[in-house]
N, C-alpha and C. Protein backbone atom coordinates (compact mmCIF):
# COMPACT_ATOMS: atom_id res chain seq x y z
N UNK A 1 90.99 -144.76 88.81
CA UNK A 1 89.78 -144.59 89.55
C UNK A 1 89.11 -143.32 89.26
N UNK A 2 87.88 -143.30 89.08
CA UNK A 2 87.13 -142.12 88.67
C UNK A 2 87.03 -141.15 89.88
N UNK A 3 87.25 -139.87 89.53
CA UNK A 3 87.15 -138.81 90.58
C UNK A 3 85.76 -138.25 90.63
N UNK A 4 85.19 -138.11 91.81
CA UNK A 4 83.86 -137.56 92.04
C UNK A 4 84.00 -136.04 92.30
N UNK A 5 83.15 -135.25 91.67
CA UNK A 5 83.06 -133.80 91.87
C UNK A 5 81.68 -133.40 92.18
N UNK A 6 81.52 -132.41 93.04
CA UNK A 6 80.20 -131.89 93.33
C UNK A 6 80.16 -130.34 93.07
N UNK A 7 79.14 -129.79 92.99
CA UNK A 7 78.98 -128.37 92.67
C UNK A 7 79.32 -127.52 93.89
N UNK A 8 80.09 -126.57 93.59
CA UNK A 8 80.32 -125.44 94.66
C UNK A 8 79.19 -124.49 94.52
N UNK A 9 78.08 -124.59 95.30
CA UNK A 9 76.97 -123.70 95.15
C UNK A 9 77.28 -122.20 95.35
N UNK A 10 78.23 -121.88 96.07
CA UNK A 10 78.60 -120.53 96.28
C UNK A 10 79.22 -119.81 95.10
N UNK A 11 79.73 -120.63 94.23
CA UNK A 11 80.35 -120.05 92.96
C UNK A 11 79.79 -120.59 91.73
N UNK A 12 78.62 -120.92 91.70
CA UNK A 12 77.91 -121.51 90.48
C UNK A 12 76.51 -120.87 90.31
N UNK A 13 76.16 -120.79 88.96
CA UNK A 13 74.81 -120.28 88.65
C UNK A 13 74.35 -120.98 87.47
N UNK A 14 73.08 -121.26 87.41
CA UNK A 14 72.40 -121.98 86.26
C UNK A 14 71.32 -120.96 85.75
N UNK A 15 71.64 -120.33 84.64
CA UNK A 15 70.81 -119.23 84.10
C UNK A 15 70.29 -119.53 82.76
N UNK A 16 69.36 -118.67 82.37
CA UNK A 16 68.67 -118.71 81.00
C UNK A 16 68.29 -117.38 80.63
N UNK A 17 68.05 -117.10 79.31
CA UNK A 17 67.54 -115.89 78.91
C UNK A 17 66.60 -116.15 77.77
N UNK A 18 65.64 -115.30 77.56
CA UNK A 18 64.56 -115.43 76.48
C UNK A 18 64.19 -114.01 76.10
N UNK A 19 63.85 -113.93 74.77
CA UNK A 19 63.42 -112.58 74.30
C UNK A 19 61.95 -112.26 74.64
N UNK A 20 61.65 -111.11 75.11
CA UNK A 20 60.28 -110.67 75.44
C UNK A 20 59.95 -109.65 74.42
N UNK A 21 58.82 -109.86 73.75
CA UNK A 21 58.35 -109.03 72.63
C UNK A 21 59.35 -108.90 71.51
N UNK A 22 60.32 -109.87 71.46
CA UNK A 22 61.36 -109.92 70.52
C UNK A 22 62.17 -108.62 70.49
N UNK A 23 62.17 -107.85 71.50
CA UNK A 23 62.95 -106.58 71.52
C UNK A 23 63.85 -106.44 72.78
N UNK A 24 63.48 -107.28 73.87
CA UNK A 24 64.32 -107.14 75.06
C UNK A 24 64.62 -108.53 75.54
N UNK A 25 65.61 -108.66 76.36
CA UNK A 25 65.92 -110.05 76.98
C UNK A 25 65.60 -110.01 78.46
N UNK A 26 64.93 -111.13 78.79
CA UNK A 26 64.61 -111.36 80.25
C UNK A 26 65.54 -112.54 80.72
N UNK A 27 66.22 -112.37 81.78
CA UNK A 27 67.03 -113.39 82.32
C UNK A 27 66.41 -113.99 83.65
N UNK A 28 66.81 -115.20 83.86
CA UNK A 28 66.43 -115.92 85.07
C UNK A 28 67.45 -116.92 85.48
N UNK A 29 67.25 -117.64 86.63
CA UNK A 29 68.08 -118.62 87.08
C UNK A 29 67.33 -119.55 88.01
N UNK A 30 67.93 -120.69 88.26
CA UNK A 30 67.44 -121.68 89.24
C UNK A 30 68.17 -121.57 90.47
N UNK A 31 67.61 -121.31 91.64
CA UNK A 31 68.34 -121.15 92.91
C UNK A 31 68.62 -122.44 93.61
N UNK A 32 67.86 -123.51 93.30
CA UNK A 32 68.06 -124.82 93.90
C UNK A 32 68.34 -125.85 92.87
N UNK A 33 69.69 -126.45 92.89
CA UNK A 33 70.05 -127.40 91.98
C UNK A 33 71.23 -128.25 92.48
N UNK A 34 71.33 -129.48 91.88
CA UNK A 34 72.46 -130.29 92.28
C UNK A 34 73.22 -130.66 91.02
N UNK A 35 74.41 -130.97 91.05
CA UNK A 35 75.25 -131.33 89.96
C UNK A 35 76.33 -132.36 90.47
N UNK A 36 76.38 -133.48 89.83
CA UNK A 36 77.39 -134.49 90.14
C UNK A 36 78.18 -134.84 88.83
N UNK A 37 79.51 -134.86 89.02
CA UNK A 37 80.32 -135.15 87.91
C UNK A 37 81.37 -136.29 88.33
N UNK A 38 81.56 -137.16 87.53
CA UNK A 38 82.54 -138.24 87.54
C UNK A 38 83.46 -138.15 86.38
N UNK A 39 84.77 -138.13 86.66
CA UNK A 39 85.75 -138.02 85.58
C UNK A 39 87.14 -138.63 85.91
N UNK A 40 87.75 -139.26 84.99
CA UNK A 40 89.16 -139.62 85.12
C UNK A 40 90.06 -138.72 84.43
N UNK A 41 89.67 -138.11 83.19
CA UNK A 41 90.52 -137.35 82.44
C UNK A 41 90.70 -135.92 83.04
N UNK A 42 91.93 -135.39 83.04
CA UNK A 42 92.18 -134.06 83.55
C UNK A 42 91.43 -132.95 82.87
N UNK A 43 91.01 -133.18 81.55
CA UNK A 43 90.34 -132.23 80.72
C UNK A 43 88.86 -132.51 80.76
N UNK A 44 88.34 -133.43 81.60
CA UNK A 44 86.94 -133.82 81.84
C UNK A 44 86.33 -134.38 80.49
N UNK A 45 87.11 -134.85 79.48
CA UNK A 45 86.56 -135.30 78.21
C UNK A 45 85.88 -136.59 78.41
N UNK A 46 86.08 -137.33 79.49
CA UNK A 46 85.43 -138.66 79.79
C UNK A 46 84.34 -138.48 80.86
N UNK A 47 83.96 -137.31 81.21
CA UNK A 47 83.10 -137.08 82.37
C UNK A 47 81.77 -137.65 82.12
N UNK A 48 81.06 -137.98 83.30
CA UNK A 48 79.57 -138.20 83.24
C UNK A 48 79.07 -137.07 84.15
N UNK A 49 77.95 -136.52 83.70
CA UNK A 49 77.39 -135.34 84.41
C UNK A 49 75.89 -135.67 84.62
N UNK A 50 75.42 -135.49 85.89
CA UNK A 50 74.10 -135.59 86.28
C UNK A 50 73.74 -134.31 86.94
N UNK A 51 72.59 -133.63 86.47
CA UNK A 51 72.17 -132.42 86.97
C UNK A 51 70.69 -132.39 87.29
N UNK A 52 70.29 -131.71 88.27
CA UNK A 52 68.81 -131.65 88.66
C UNK A 52 68.51 -130.26 89.12
N UNK A 53 67.49 -129.58 88.61
CA UNK A 53 67.09 -128.21 89.09
C UNK A 53 65.72 -128.39 89.62
N UNK A 54 65.38 -127.69 90.69
CA UNK A 54 64.07 -127.62 91.22
C UNK A 54 63.33 -126.46 90.56
N UNK A 55 62.16 -126.79 89.87
CA UNK A 55 61.51 -125.86 89.08
C UNK A 55 60.91 -124.76 90.06
N UNK A 56 60.51 -125.13 91.27
CA UNK A 56 60.00 -124.14 92.27
C UNK A 56 60.97 -123.01 92.65
N UNK A 57 62.29 -123.20 92.28
CA UNK A 57 63.27 -122.23 92.71
C UNK A 57 63.58 -121.26 91.52
N UNK A 58 62.70 -121.23 90.41
CA UNK A 58 63.01 -120.34 89.37
C UNK A 58 62.96 -118.87 89.92
N UNK A 59 63.83 -118.09 89.36
CA UNK A 59 63.93 -116.67 89.87
C UNK A 59 64.29 -115.70 88.76
N UNK A 60 63.36 -114.95 88.31
CA UNK A 60 63.60 -113.91 87.31
C UNK A 60 63.62 -112.46 87.97
N UNK A 61 63.42 -112.48 89.32
CA UNK A 61 63.45 -111.13 89.87
C UNK A 61 62.04 -110.48 90.10
N UNK A 62 61.05 -111.17 89.48
CA UNK A 62 59.66 -110.63 89.44
C UNK A 62 58.76 -111.84 89.96
N UNK A 63 58.28 -111.64 91.15
CA UNK A 63 57.53 -112.80 91.71
C UNK A 63 56.27 -113.26 90.87
N UNK A 64 55.49 -112.23 90.32
CA UNK A 64 54.38 -112.61 89.49
C UNK A 64 54.83 -113.44 88.29
N UNK A 65 55.92 -112.99 87.58
CA UNK A 65 56.39 -113.78 86.52
C UNK A 65 56.96 -115.16 86.85
N UNK A 66 57.62 -115.25 87.92
CA UNK A 66 58.05 -116.47 88.47
C UNK A 66 56.86 -117.47 88.72
N UNK A 67 55.88 -117.03 89.37
CA UNK A 67 54.67 -117.82 89.57
C UNK A 67 54.01 -118.19 88.26
N UNK A 68 54.02 -117.33 87.23
CA UNK A 68 53.40 -117.73 85.88
C UNK A 68 54.32 -118.76 85.33
N UNK A 69 55.55 -118.70 85.46
CA UNK A 69 56.55 -119.75 84.95
C UNK A 69 56.36 -121.06 85.64
N UNK A 70 55.96 -121.04 86.90
CA UNK A 70 55.78 -122.30 87.62
C UNK A 70 54.37 -122.96 87.23
N UNK A 71 53.56 -122.15 86.70
CA UNK A 71 52.09 -122.59 86.39
C UNK A 71 52.03 -123.64 85.26
N UNK A 72 50.86 -124.14 84.97
CA UNK A 72 50.71 -125.07 83.86
C UNK A 72 50.97 -124.47 82.48
N UNK A 73 50.92 -123.05 82.41
CA UNK A 73 51.20 -122.37 81.16
C UNK A 73 52.73 -122.73 80.72
N UNK A 74 53.62 -122.92 81.73
CA UNK A 74 54.98 -123.10 81.38
C UNK A 74 55.43 -124.45 81.93
N UNK A 75 56.17 -124.35 83.07
CA UNK A 75 56.90 -125.53 83.67
C UNK A 75 55.92 -126.59 84.34
N UNK A 76 54.70 -126.19 84.64
CA UNK A 76 53.79 -127.13 85.44
C UNK A 76 54.49 -127.78 86.57
N UNK A 77 55.03 -126.90 87.46
CA UNK A 77 55.89 -127.30 88.64
C UNK A 77 55.27 -128.39 89.50
N UNK A 78 54.01 -128.26 89.73
CA UNK A 78 53.32 -129.23 90.64
C UNK A 78 53.41 -130.65 90.06
N UNK A 79 53.20 -130.79 88.61
CA UNK A 79 53.29 -132.11 87.99
C UNK A 79 54.71 -132.48 87.63
N UNK A 80 55.53 -131.51 87.36
CA UNK A 80 56.89 -131.77 87.00
C UNK A 80 57.89 -130.90 87.65
N UNK A 81 58.13 -131.22 89.01
CA UNK A 81 58.81 -130.41 89.93
C UNK A 81 60.43 -130.19 89.60
N UNK A 82 60.92 -131.11 88.67
CA UNK A 82 62.33 -131.02 88.58
C UNK A 82 62.74 -131.12 87.07
N UNK A 83 63.89 -130.53 86.71
CA UNK A 83 64.53 -130.59 85.34
C UNK A 83 65.66 -131.44 85.47
N UNK A 84 65.90 -132.31 84.61
CA UNK A 84 67.07 -133.23 84.62
C UNK A 84 67.95 -133.12 83.42
N UNK A 85 69.22 -133.32 83.56
CA UNK A 85 70.13 -133.53 82.52
C UNK A 85 71.12 -134.66 82.86
N UNK A 86 71.27 -135.50 81.84
CA UNK A 86 72.20 -136.71 82.09
C UNK A 86 73.09 -136.70 80.77
N UNK A 87 74.39 -136.66 81.03
CA UNK A 87 75.28 -136.64 79.78
C UNK A 87 75.33 -138.02 79.11
N UNK A 88 75.46 -137.98 77.82
CA UNK A 88 75.61 -139.20 77.05
C UNK A 88 77.02 -139.31 76.44
N UNK A 89 77.62 -138.13 76.09
CA UNK A 89 78.91 -138.13 75.43
C UNK A 89 79.47 -136.77 75.62
N UNK A 90 80.74 -136.70 75.84
CA UNK A 90 81.54 -135.47 75.97
C UNK A 90 82.81 -135.63 74.99
N UNK A 91 82.98 -134.58 74.16
CA UNK A 91 84.07 -134.63 73.17
C UNK A 91 84.97 -133.42 73.39
N UNK A 92 86.26 -133.58 73.52
CA UNK A 92 87.19 -132.40 73.50
C UNK A 92 87.25 -131.84 72.13
N UNK A 93 87.08 -130.55 72.00
CA UNK A 93 87.11 -129.83 70.68
C UNK A 93 88.42 -129.02 70.55
N UNK A 94 89.24 -128.95 71.53
CA UNK A 94 90.40 -128.20 71.48
C UNK A 94 90.36 -126.88 72.24
N UNK A 95 91.39 -126.32 72.59
CA UNK A 95 91.42 -125.01 73.36
C UNK A 95 90.52 -124.97 74.60
N UNK A 96 90.42 -126.13 75.30
CA UNK A 96 89.64 -126.27 76.53
C UNK A 96 88.18 -126.34 76.33
N UNK A 97 87.70 -126.43 75.15
CA UNK A 97 86.23 -126.54 74.84
C UNK A 97 85.80 -127.94 74.61
N UNK A 98 84.64 -128.16 75.29
CA UNK A 98 84.09 -129.56 75.23
C UNK A 98 82.65 -129.47 74.65
N UNK A 99 82.33 -130.41 73.79
CA UNK A 99 80.95 -130.59 73.30
C UNK A 99 80.27 -131.61 74.23
N UNK A 100 79.29 -131.14 75.04
CA UNK A 100 78.58 -131.98 75.92
C UNK A 100 77.18 -132.33 75.40
N UNK A 101 77.01 -133.62 75.05
CA UNK A 101 75.73 -134.06 74.55
C UNK A 101 75.00 -134.95 75.61
N UNK A 102 73.79 -134.66 75.78
CA UNK A 102 73.01 -135.34 76.84
C UNK A 102 71.55 -135.27 76.76
N UNK A 103 70.76 -135.95 77.60
CA UNK A 103 69.34 -135.90 77.56
C UNK A 103 68.95 -134.87 78.65
N UNK A 104 68.03 -133.91 78.16
CA UNK A 104 67.44 -132.80 78.99
C UNK A 104 65.96 -133.20 79.17
N UNK A 105 65.56 -133.28 80.40
CA UNK A 105 64.19 -133.53 80.59
C UNK A 105 63.46 -132.32 81.26
N UNK A 106 62.49 -131.76 80.56
CA UNK A 106 61.73 -130.55 81.05
C UNK A 106 60.24 -130.96 80.89
N UNK A 107 59.46 -130.69 81.94
CA UNK A 107 58.05 -130.99 81.87
C UNK A 107 57.70 -132.41 81.39
N UNK A 108 58.50 -133.35 81.72
CA UNK A 108 58.29 -134.80 81.41
C UNK A 108 58.66 -135.17 80.02
N UNK A 109 59.27 -134.20 79.25
CA UNK A 109 59.68 -134.46 77.79
C UNK A 109 61.21 -134.49 77.85
N UNK A 110 61.80 -135.62 77.17
CA UNK A 110 63.19 -135.78 77.14
C UNK A 110 63.72 -135.50 75.73
N UNK A 111 64.62 -134.72 75.54
CA UNK A 111 65.27 -134.39 74.20
C UNK A 111 66.80 -134.43 74.38
N UNK A 112 67.47 -134.92 73.32
CA UNK A 112 68.91 -134.81 73.30
C UNK A 112 69.29 -133.31 72.87
N UNK A 113 70.25 -132.74 73.68
CA UNK A 113 70.76 -131.51 73.44
C UNK A 113 72.22 -131.47 73.43
N UNK A 114 72.84 -130.43 72.81
CA UNK A 114 74.26 -130.33 72.80
C UNK A 114 74.65 -128.99 73.40
N UNK A 115 75.48 -128.95 74.38
CA UNK A 115 75.96 -127.77 75.01
C UNK A 115 77.46 -127.55 74.78
N UNK A 116 77.93 -126.35 74.88
CA UNK A 116 79.32 -126.08 74.69
C UNK A 116 79.89 -125.65 76.12
N UNK A 117 80.93 -126.41 76.52
CA UNK A 117 81.50 -126.07 77.87
C UNK A 117 82.93 -125.61 77.65
N UNK A 118 83.27 -124.43 78.26
CA UNK A 118 84.62 -123.92 78.23
C UNK A 118 85.28 -124.24 79.53
N UNK A 119 86.28 -125.06 79.51
CA UNK A 119 86.94 -125.61 80.74
C UNK A 119 87.90 -124.50 81.09
N UNK A 120 87.77 -123.96 82.29
CA UNK A 120 88.70 -122.91 82.83
C UNK A 120 89.88 -123.44 83.56
N UNK A 121 89.93 -124.68 83.82
CA UNK A 121 91.09 -125.27 84.41
C UNK A 121 90.75 -125.71 85.86
N UNK A 122 91.73 -126.08 86.55
CA UNK A 122 91.57 -126.50 88.02
C UNK A 122 92.59 -125.66 88.85
N UNK A 123 92.20 -125.60 90.13
CA UNK A 123 92.96 -124.69 91.06
C UNK A 123 92.77 -125.29 92.42
N UNK A 124 93.75 -125.13 93.33
CA UNK A 124 93.52 -125.43 94.70
C UNK A 124 93.15 -124.16 95.42
N UNK A 125 92.02 -124.13 96.15
CA UNK A 125 91.69 -122.90 96.86
C UNK A 125 92.41 -122.72 98.11
N UNK A 126 92.36 -121.54 98.83
CA UNK A 126 93.09 -121.40 100.07
C UNK A 126 92.81 -122.30 101.13
N UNK A 127 91.71 -123.12 101.05
CA UNK A 127 91.45 -124.07 102.04
C UNK A 127 91.89 -125.45 101.75
N UNK A 128 92.53 -125.62 100.63
CA UNK A 128 93.08 -126.90 100.23
C UNK A 128 92.15 -127.76 99.32
N UNK A 129 91.05 -127.21 98.96
CA UNK A 129 90.07 -128.01 98.12
C UNK A 129 90.40 -127.80 96.61
N UNK A 130 90.32 -128.85 95.81
CA UNK A 130 90.59 -128.68 94.40
C UNK A 130 89.31 -128.41 93.72
N UNK A 131 89.40 -127.34 92.89
CA UNK A 131 88.21 -126.78 92.25
C UNK A 131 88.45 -126.98 90.75
N UNK A 132 87.40 -126.93 90.00
CA UNK A 132 87.44 -126.96 88.50
C UNK A 132 86.31 -125.98 88.10
N UNK A 133 86.59 -125.17 87.00
CA UNK A 133 85.60 -124.16 86.51
C UNK A 133 85.21 -124.36 85.05
N UNK A 134 83.90 -124.12 84.80
CA UNK A 134 83.37 -124.20 83.49
C UNK A 134 82.41 -123.11 83.26
N UNK A 135 82.36 -122.62 82.01
CA UNK A 135 81.28 -121.71 81.47
C UNK A 135 80.62 -122.62 80.40
N UNK A 136 79.30 -122.74 80.50
CA UNK A 136 78.52 -123.62 79.57
C UNK A 136 77.44 -122.88 78.87
N UNK A 137 77.33 -123.05 77.66
CA UNK A 137 76.24 -122.32 76.87
C UNK A 137 75.57 -123.30 75.90
N UNK A 138 74.29 -122.88 75.62
CA UNK A 138 73.51 -123.65 74.67
C UNK A 138 72.27 -122.95 74.38
N UNK A 139 71.49 -123.54 73.39
CA UNK A 139 70.22 -123.07 73.07
C UNK A 139 69.24 -124.19 72.88
N UNK A 140 67.95 -124.02 73.37
CA UNK A 140 66.93 -124.96 73.20
C UNK A 140 65.64 -124.18 72.69
N UNK A 141 64.74 -125.03 72.10
CA UNK A 141 63.55 -124.44 71.81
C UNK A 141 62.46 -124.88 72.91
N UNK A 142 61.89 -123.99 73.54
CA UNK A 142 60.94 -124.30 74.70
C UNK A 142 59.76 -125.19 74.17
N UNK A 143 59.38 -124.91 73.00
CA UNK A 143 58.18 -125.75 72.38
C UNK A 143 58.55 -127.23 72.33
N UNK A 144 59.87 -127.54 72.18
CA UNK A 144 60.29 -128.91 72.04
C UNK A 144 59.89 -129.66 73.44
N UNK A 145 59.80 -128.98 74.53
CA UNK A 145 59.55 -129.50 75.87
C UNK A 145 58.13 -129.24 76.29
N UNK A 146 57.26 -128.81 75.38
CA UNK A 146 55.82 -128.64 75.78
C UNK A 146 55.56 -127.28 76.45
N UNK A 147 56.49 -126.31 76.37
CA UNK A 147 56.29 -124.96 76.90
C UNK A 147 55.90 -124.15 75.82
N UNK A 148 54.58 -124.10 75.46
CA UNK A 148 54.11 -123.51 74.25
C UNK A 148 53.32 -122.29 74.58
N UNK A 149 53.06 -121.81 75.77
CA UNK A 149 52.31 -120.69 75.96
C UNK A 149 52.87 -119.45 75.35
N UNK A 150 52.00 -118.65 74.71
CA UNK A 150 52.38 -117.37 74.12
C UNK A 150 51.24 -116.59 73.88
N UNK A 151 51.36 -115.38 73.44
CA UNK A 151 50.23 -114.51 73.11
C UNK A 151 50.79 -113.61 71.98
N UNK A 152 49.86 -113.26 71.00
CA UNK A 152 50.22 -112.45 69.93
C UNK A 152 50.12 -110.99 70.25
N UNK A 153 50.93 -110.16 69.73
CA UNK A 153 50.78 -108.76 69.83
C UNK A 153 49.96 -108.15 68.76
N UNK A 154 49.46 -106.96 68.88
CA UNK A 154 48.67 -106.44 67.84
C UNK A 154 49.34 -106.19 66.57
N UNK A 155 50.70 -106.22 66.56
CA UNK A 155 51.56 -106.05 65.30
C UNK A 155 51.88 -107.40 64.71
N UNK A 156 51.41 -108.47 65.33
CA UNK A 156 51.66 -109.82 64.76
C UNK A 156 52.78 -110.46 65.36
N UNK A 157 53.51 -109.94 66.28
CA UNK A 157 54.69 -110.47 66.97
C UNK A 157 54.15 -111.49 68.17
N UNK A 158 55.10 -111.92 68.88
CA UNK A 158 54.74 -112.81 70.02
C UNK A 158 55.39 -112.23 71.25
N UNK A 159 54.80 -112.62 72.42
CA UNK A 159 55.21 -112.06 73.68
C UNK A 159 56.63 -112.70 74.14
N UNK A 160 56.74 -114.04 73.93
CA UNK A 160 57.90 -114.77 74.36
C UNK A 160 58.50 -115.62 73.25
N UNK A 161 59.80 -115.41 73.00
CA UNK A 161 60.39 -116.23 71.94
C UNK A 161 60.47 -117.71 72.25
N UNK A 162 60.54 -118.54 71.20
CA UNK A 162 60.59 -120.05 71.43
C UNK A 162 62.04 -120.36 71.84
N UNK A 163 63.03 -119.60 71.35
CA UNK A 163 64.42 -119.95 71.65
C UNK A 163 64.85 -119.49 73.08
N UNK A 164 65.39 -120.40 73.84
CA UNK A 164 65.92 -120.08 75.07
C UNK A 164 67.44 -120.34 75.13
N UNK A 165 68.22 -119.38 75.62
CA UNK A 165 69.58 -119.40 75.71
C UNK A 165 69.90 -119.90 77.11
N UNK A 166 70.80 -120.82 77.18
CA UNK A 166 71.22 -121.39 78.49
C UNK A 166 72.68 -120.92 78.73
N UNK A 167 72.91 -120.46 79.98
CA UNK A 167 74.15 -119.88 80.39
C UNK A 167 74.47 -120.28 81.81
N UNK A 168 75.57 -121.13 81.91
CA UNK A 168 75.81 -121.59 83.26
C UNK A 168 77.26 -121.43 83.57
N UNK A 169 77.52 -120.96 84.88
CA UNK A 169 78.89 -120.85 85.29
C UNK A 169 79.01 -121.79 86.47
N UNK A 170 79.84 -122.73 86.28
CA UNK A 170 79.96 -123.84 87.19
C UNK A 170 81.27 -123.94 87.84
N UNK A 171 81.36 -124.11 89.09
CA UNK A 171 82.62 -124.41 89.87
C UNK A 171 82.45 -125.71 90.61
N UNK A 172 83.18 -126.73 90.25
CA UNK A 172 83.12 -128.05 90.92
C UNK A 172 84.18 -128.10 92.03
N UNK A 173 83.91 -128.98 92.98
CA UNK A 173 84.86 -129.30 93.98
C UNK A 173 85.07 -130.80 94.08
N UNK A 174 86.32 -131.19 94.07
CA UNK A 174 86.70 -132.61 94.20
C UNK A 174 86.16 -133.12 95.45
N UNK A 175 85.41 -134.28 95.41
CA UNK A 175 84.95 -134.83 96.56
C UNK A 175 85.97 -135.52 97.41
């Protein structure tokens, strides 16, 4: 029988980073998200993952920048209020590493992406709940999802890089 897992919101973070002016890194995260996982295998190699993030919850620490990211220049949050990920395949690569392939939908555009998940193991917490931990990384091109706003600098560079690095630290709790 498949085991259901839900995200432990107190010990999880969905983050991203992007180069600004190609010389500095800006980081952000989504404050509101859900994550559901179903798995039979102890190493989660057979898992199904469903993820949803609320675009309105984007937080880079600068309100004006967050509002710009919610605008039609970037995520178009009013028209596309959520980001979705649904796994298609998970493969164990050894040493607790999993290749997670799935469909990512941003701004109404769906693309298949591959993420790398490092499985930290399972543990029973002091309250008797079974937890599982993962660090997940990947890269996407924002232009693949219709996030194409940019501006040129006087030296010919760009304000925002196309590549976005994804970095998630996830703790699941057995339902």
